[in-house]
């Protein structure tokens, strides 16, 4: 587990051991994920973005800059669209993406 703290927030990266996989390989994977995250100009990591969608909907809209839009984020957006009438837009950018909540049902 690696915790990255900056002025924009905290990102926690985790790898899990597997039978037959050397610790050095796992640490290499963790370092590669940290370097990839740090190279982007996005305060929200790929695995946190899906968890922030509901607060955005409840706030009536907004947007977040994310490292990447995961399948979890897209699935969560679809569920929130069906349940709450939210509207999402995913915008690719050179260094990550933006997730925009455009509307919320009244």
N, C-alpha and C. Protein backbone atom coordinates (compact mmCIF):
# COMPACT_ATOMS: atom_id res chain seq x y z
N UNK A 1 0.85 -1.17 0.00
CA UNK A 1 0.00 0.00 0.00
C UNK A 1 0.90 1.24 0.00
N UNK A 2 0.52 2.21 -0.80
CA UNK A 2 1.27 3.45 -0.89
C UNK A 2 0.29 4.61 -0.80
N UNK A 3 0.57 5.54 0.10
CA UNK A 3 -0.28 6.71 0.28
C UNK A 3 0.44 7.93 -0.27
N UNK A 4 -0.18 8.59 -1.23
CA UNK A 4 0.37 9.81 -1.83
C UNK A 4 -0.45 10.99 -1.33
N UNK A 5 0.21 11.94 -0.70
CA UNK A 5 -0.47 13.11 -0.15
C UNK A 5 0.01 14.35 -0.88
N UNK A 6 -0.95 15.19 -1.32
CA UNK A 6 -0.61 16.44 -1.99
C UNK A 6 -1.59 17.50 -1.55
N UNK A 7 -1.43 18.72 -2.06
CA UNK A 7 -2.34 19.80 -1.69
C UNK A 7 -3.76 19.56 -2.19
N UNK A 8 -3.92 18.72 -3.22
CA UNK A 8 -5.25 18.46 -3.75
C UNK A 8 -5.94 17.25 -3.12
N UNK A 9 -5.22 16.50 -2.29
CA UNK A 9 -5.87 15.37 -1.64
C UNK A 9 -4.93 14.21 -1.38
N UNK A 10 -5.51 13.06 -1.12
CA UNK A 10 -4.76 11.85 -0.81
C UNK A 10 -5.19 10.76 -1.77
N UNK A 11 -4.24 10.06 -2.33
CA UNK A 11 -4.50 8.91 -3.19
C UNK A 11 -3.82 7.70 -2.56
N UNK A 12 -4.54 6.62 -2.41
CA UNK A 12 -3.99 5.40 -1.84
C UNK A 12 -3.96 4.34 -2.93
N UNK A 13 -2.77 3.82 -3.20
CA UNK A 13 -2.60 2.78 -4.21
C UNK A 13 -2.29 1.47 -3.49
N UNK A 14 -2.87 0.39 -3.97
CA UNK A 14 -2.70 -0.90 -3.31
C UNK A 14 -2.47 -2.00 -4.33
N UNK A 15 -1.56 -2.89 -4.01
CA UNK A 15 -1.40 -4.13 -4.78
C UNK A 15 -1.54 -5.29 -3.80
N UNK A 16 -1.97 -6.42 -4.31
CA UNK A 16 -2.18 -7.59 -3.47
C UNK A 16 -1.28 -8.72 -3.95
N UNK A 17 -0.73 -9.43 -2.98
CA UNK A 17 0.14 -10.56 -3.30
C UNK A 17 -0.63 -11.71 -3.93
N UNK A 18 0.10 -12.46 -4.74
CA UNK A 18 -0.47 -13.64 -5.38
C UNK A 18 0.55 -14.76 -5.26
N UNK A 19 0.04 -15.95 -5.15
CA UNK A 19 0.92 -17.12 -5.07
C UNK A 19 1.81 -17.18 -6.30
N UNK A 20 3.09 -17.29 -6.07
CA UNK A 20 4.04 -17.40 -7.16
C UNK A 20 4.55 -16.06 -7.70
N UNK A 21 4.05 -14.96 -7.18
CA UNK A 21 4.49 -13.63 -7.64
C UNK A 21 5.44 -13.06 -6.60
N UNK A 22 6.62 -12.71 -7.05
CA UNK A 22 7.64 -12.18 -6.14
C UNK A 22 7.25 -10.79 -5.63
N UNK A 23 7.66 -10.49 -4.42
CA UNK A 23 7.38 -9.19 -3.81
C UNK A 23 7.96 -8.07 -4.67
N UNK A 24 9.12 -8.30 -5.25
CA UNK A 24 9.75 -7.28 -6.09
C UNK A 24 8.86 -6.92 -7.28
N UNK A 25 8.19 -7.91 -7.84
CA UNK A 25 7.29 -7.65 -8.96
C UNK A 25 6.09 -6.82 -8.51
N UNK A 26 5.56 -7.15 -7.35
CA UNK A 26 4.43 -6.38 -6.81
C UNK A 26 4.83 -4.93 -6.55
N UNK A 27 6.00 -4.74 -5.96
CA UNK A 27 6.46 -3.38 -5.69
C UNK A 27 6.70 -2.62 -6.99
N UNK A 28 7.19 -3.31 -8.00
CA UNK A 28 7.36 -2.68 -9.31
C UNK A 28 6.03 -2.22 -9.88
N UNK A 29 5.00 -3.04 -9.70
CA UNK A 29 3.65 -2.67 -10.15
C UNK A 29 3.14 -1.45 -9.39
N UNK A 30 3.37 -1.43 -8.08
CA UNK A 30 2.93 -0.30 -7.26
C UNK A 30 3.65 0.98 -7.66
N UNK A 31 4.94 0.89 -7.88
CA UNK A 31 5.71 2.07 -8.29
C UNK A 31 5.24 2.56 -9.67
N UNK A 32 4.96 1.63 -10.58
CA UNK A 32 4.49 2.02 -11.91
C UNK A 32 3.14 2.74 -11.82
N UNK A 33 2.23 2.25 -10.96
CA UNK A 33 0.94 2.91 -10.78
C UNK A 33 1.12 4.30 -10.18
N UNK A 34 2.03 4.42 -9.21
CA UNK A 34 2.28 5.72 -8.58
C UNK A 34 2.85 6.71 -9.60
N UNK A 35 3.80 6.27 -10.39
CA UNK A 35 4.39 7.15 -11.41
C UNK A 35 3.34 7.58 -12.43
N UNK A 36 2.49 6.65 -12.84
CA UNK A 36 1.45 6.99 -13.81
C UNK A 36 0.50 8.02 -13.22
N UNK A 37 0.09 7.85 -11.97
CA UNK A 37 -0.82 8.80 -11.33
C UNK A 37 -0.16 10.17 -11.19
N UNK A 38 1.10 10.19 -10.75
CA UNK A 38 1.80 11.45 -10.52
C UNK A 38 2.10 12.19 -11.83
N UNK A 39 2.14 11.47 -12.94
CA UNK A 39 2.43 12.13 -14.22
C UNK A 39 1.23 12.87 -14.77
N UNK A 40 0.04 12.63 -14.21
CA UNK A 40 -1.18 13.26 -14.70
C UNK A 40 -1.51 14.50 -13.89
N UNK A 41 -2.27 15.38 -14.49
CA UNK A 41 -2.75 16.58 -13.79
C UNK A 41 -4.20 16.35 -13.39
N UNK A 42 -4.41 15.30 -12.58
CA UNK A 42 -5.76 14.96 -12.15
C UNK A 42 -5.73 14.62 -10.67
N UNK A 43 -6.52 15.31 -9.87
CA UNK A 43 -6.50 15.07 -8.43
C UNK A 43 -7.25 13.82 -7.99
N UNK A 44 -8.05 13.21 -8.86
CA UNK A 44 -8.83 12.04 -8.48
C UNK A 44 -8.33 10.83 -9.25
N UNK A 45 -7.98 9.79 -8.52
CA UNK A 45 -7.50 8.56 -9.14
C UNK A 45 -8.62 7.76 -9.78
N UNK A 46 -8.24 6.84 -10.61
CA UNK A 46 -9.19 6.02 -11.37
C UNK A 46 -10.15 5.25 -10.47
N UNK A 47 -9.67 4.79 -9.33
CA UNK A 47 -10.49 3.94 -8.47
C UNK A 47 -11.32 4.70 -7.44
N UNK A 48 -11.16 6.01 -7.37
CA UNK A 48 -11.96 6.82 -6.47
C UNK A 48 -13.11 7.50 -7.22
N UNK A 49 -12.95 7.71 -8.49
CA UNK A 49 -13.91 8.49 -9.28
C UNK A 49 -15.33 7.97 -9.16
N UNK A 50 -15.52 6.64 -9.23
CA UNK A 50 -16.88 6.09 -9.19
C UNK A 50 -17.57 6.39 -7.87
N UNK A 51 -16.80 6.52 -6.79
CA UNK A 51 -17.38 6.78 -5.48
C UNK A 51 -17.79 8.24 -5.30
N UNK A 52 -17.30 9.12 -6.14
CA UNK A 52 -17.63 10.55 -6.03
C UNK A 52 -18.85 10.95 -6.85
N UNK A 53 -19.36 10.04 -7.66
CA UNK A 53 -20.48 10.40 -8.53
C UNK A 53 -21.76 10.70 -7.75
N UNK A 54 -22.10 9.88 -6.77
CA UNK A 54 -23.32 10.12 -6.00
C UNK A 54 -23.29 11.47 -5.29
N UNK A 55 -22.19 11.84 -4.60
CA UNK A 55 -22.16 13.19 -4.00
C UNK A 55 -22.34 14.30 -5.04
N UNK A 56 -21.79 14.12 -6.24
CA UNK A 56 -21.98 15.13 -7.29
C UNK A 56 -23.45 15.23 -7.69
N UNK A 57 -24.10 14.09 -7.82
CA UNK A 57 -25.52 14.09 -8.17
C UNK A 57 -26.32 14.77 -7.08
N UNK A 58 -26.07 14.42 -5.82
CA UNK A 58 -26.82 14.98 -4.70
C UNK A 58 -26.57 16.48 -4.56
N UNK A 59 -25.42 16.95 -5.00
CA UNK A 59 -25.11 18.38 -4.95
C UNK A 59 -25.76 19.15 -6.10
N UNK A 60 -26.37 18.43 -7.04
CA UNK A 60 -27.03 19.09 -8.15
C UNK A 60 -26.18 19.24 -9.39
N UNK A 61 -24.99 18.68 -9.37
CA UNK A 61 -24.12 18.73 -10.55
C UNK A 61 -22.72 19.17 -10.20
N UNK A 62 -21.87 19.15 -11.19
CA UNK A 62 -20.48 19.53 -11.02
C UNK A 62 -19.60 18.66 -11.87
N UNK A 63 -18.31 18.75 -11.64
CA UNK A 63 -17.38 17.93 -12.40
C UNK A 63 -16.13 17.64 -11.59
N UNK A 64 -15.47 16.55 -11.97
CA UNK A 64 -14.19 16.18 -11.36
C UNK A 64 -13.20 15.82 -12.46
N UNK A 65 -11.95 16.12 -12.22
CA UNK A 65 -10.87 15.69 -13.12
C UNK A 65 -10.33 14.38 -12.57
N UNK A 66 -10.25 13.37 -13.43
CA UNK A 66 -9.85 12.04 -13.00
C UNK A 66 -8.67 11.54 -13.84
N UNK A 67 -7.93 10.62 -13.25
CA UNK A 67 -6.80 10.03 -13.96
C UNK A 67 -7.29 9.24 -15.17
N UNK A 68 -8.37 8.48 -14.98
CA UNK A 68 -8.96 7.69 -16.06
C UNK A 68 -10.39 7.35 -15.68
N UNK A 69 -11.22 7.11 -16.67
CA UNK A 69 -12.60 6.71 -16.43
C UNK A 69 -12.65 5.18 -16.52
N UNK A 70 -12.86 4.54 -15.38
CA UNK A 70 -12.89 3.08 -15.33
C UNK A 70 -14.26 2.54 -15.72
N UNK A 71 -14.32 1.24 -15.93
CA UNK A 71 -15.61 0.61 -16.20
C UNK A 71 -16.52 0.73 -14.98
N UNK A 72 -15.94 0.74 -13.77
CA UNK A 72 -16.73 0.94 -12.55
C UNK A 72 -17.40 2.31 -12.57
N UNK A 73 -16.66 3.33 -12.99
CA UNK A 73 -17.22 4.68 -13.04
C UNK A 73 -18.36 4.75 -14.05
N UNK A 74 -18.17 4.15 -15.21
CA UNK A 74 -19.23 4.16 -16.23
C UNK A 74 -20.47 3.39 -15.75
N UNK A 75 -20.25 2.27 -15.08
CA UNK A 75 -21.37 1.48 -14.56
C UNK A 75 -22.12 2.25 -13.48
N UNK A 76 -21.38 2.88 -12.57
CA UNK A 76 -22.01 3.66 -11.51
C UNK A 76 -22.81 4.83 -12.11
N UNK A 77 -22.28 5.46 -13.13
CA UNK A 77 -23.00 6.55 -13.79
C UNK A 77 -24.29 6.03 -14.41
N UNK A 78 -24.25 4.86 -15.01
CA UNK A 78 -25.45 4.29 -15.62
C UNK A 78 -26.50 3.98 -14.55
N UNK A 79 -26.08 3.44 -13.43
CA UNK A 79 -27.01 3.14 -12.33
C UNK A 79 -27.64 4.43 -11.81
N UNK A 80 -26.83 5.46 -11.61
CA UNK A 80 -27.34 6.73 -11.10
C UNK A 80 -28.26 7.41 -12.11
N UNK A 81 -27.99 7.20 -13.38
CA UNK A 81 -28.86 7.74 -14.42
C UNK A 81 -30.23 7.07 -14.34
N UNK A 82 -30.23 5.76 -14.20
CA UNK A 82 -31.50 5.02 -14.17
C UNK A 82 -32.28 5.27 -12.88
N UNK A 83 -31.57 5.35 -11.75
CA UNK A 83 -32.25 5.50 -10.47
C UNK A 83 -32.65 6.94 -10.14
N UNK A 84 -31.76 7.89 -10.49
CA UNK A 84 -31.98 9.26 -10.05
C UNK A 84 -32.15 10.26 -11.19
N UNK A 85 -32.08 9.78 -12.42
CA UNK A 85 -32.25 10.68 -13.55
C UNK A 85 -31.06 11.59 -13.80
N UNK A 86 -29.92 11.23 -13.27
CA UNK A 86 -28.71 12.05 -13.48
C UNK A 86 -28.24 11.92 -14.92
N UNK A 87 -27.49 12.89 -15.38
CA UNK A 87 -26.93 12.89 -16.73
C UNK A 87 -25.43 13.10 -16.63
N UNK A 88 -24.66 12.20 -17.23
CA UNK A 88 -23.19 12.27 -17.14
C UNK A 88 -22.57 12.45 -18.50
N UNK A 89 -21.45 13.13 -18.50
CA UNK A 89 -20.65 13.29 -19.72
C UNK A 89 -19.21 12.99 -19.35
N UNK A 90 -18.52 12.19 -20.17
CA UNK A 90 -17.12 11.86 -19.96
C UNK A 90 -16.30 12.53 -21.05
N UNK A 91 -15.35 13.36 -20.66
CA UNK A 91 -14.56 14.13 -21.61
C UNK A 91 -13.10 13.73 -21.49
N UNK A 92 -12.56 13.12 -22.55
CA UNK A 92 -11.14 12.77 -22.55
C UNK A 92 -10.30 14.03 -22.69
N UNK A 93 -9.20 14.07 -21.95
CA UNK A 93 -8.27 15.19 -22.00
C UNK A 93 -6.86 14.63 -22.15
N UNK A 94 -5.89 15.46 -22.53
CA UNK A 94 -4.53 14.97 -22.72
C UNK A 94 -3.95 14.29 -21.47
N UNK A 95 -4.31 14.77 -20.31
CA UNK A 95 -3.79 14.19 -19.07
C UNK A 95 -4.94 13.73 -18.18
N UNK A 96 -5.66 12.70 -18.64
CA UNK A 96 -6.76 12.18 -17.85
C UNK A 96 -8.09 12.44 -18.51
N UNK A 97 -9.09 12.74 -17.69
CA UNK A 97 -10.44 12.98 -18.20
C UNK A 97 -11.22 13.81 -17.22
N UNK A 98 -12.38 14.29 -17.65
CA UNK A 98 -13.31 14.98 -16.77
C UNK A 98 -14.62 14.20 -16.76
N UNK A 99 -15.20 14.11 -15.60
CA UNK A 99 -16.54 13.53 -15.47
C UNK A 99 -17.44 14.69 -15.09
N UNK A 100 -18.45 14.92 -15.93
CA UNK A 100 -19.35 16.06 -15.73
C UNK A 100 -20.75 15.54 -15.45
N UNK A 101 -21.32 16.01 -14.33
CA UNK A 101 -22.72 15.73 -14.02
C UNK A 101 -23.48 16.93 -14.54
N UNK A 102 -24.29 16.72 -15.59
CA UNK A 102 -24.96 17.84 -16.25
C UNK A 102 -26.33 18.15 -15.66
N UNK A 103 -27.01 17.17 -15.10
CA UNK A 103 -28.35 17.43 -14.60
C UNK A 103 -28.73 16.40 -13.56
N UNK A 104 -29.70 16.75 -12.78
CA UNK A 104 -30.26 15.84 -11.78
C UNK A 104 -31.77 16.01 -11.78
N UNK A 105 -32.44 14.89 -11.71
CA UNK A 105 -33.92 14.97 -11.66
C UNK A 105 -34.36 15.65 -10.38
N UNK A 106 -35.42 16.43 -10.46
CA UNK A 106 -35.92 17.16 -9.31
C UNK A 106 -36.74 16.30 -8.47
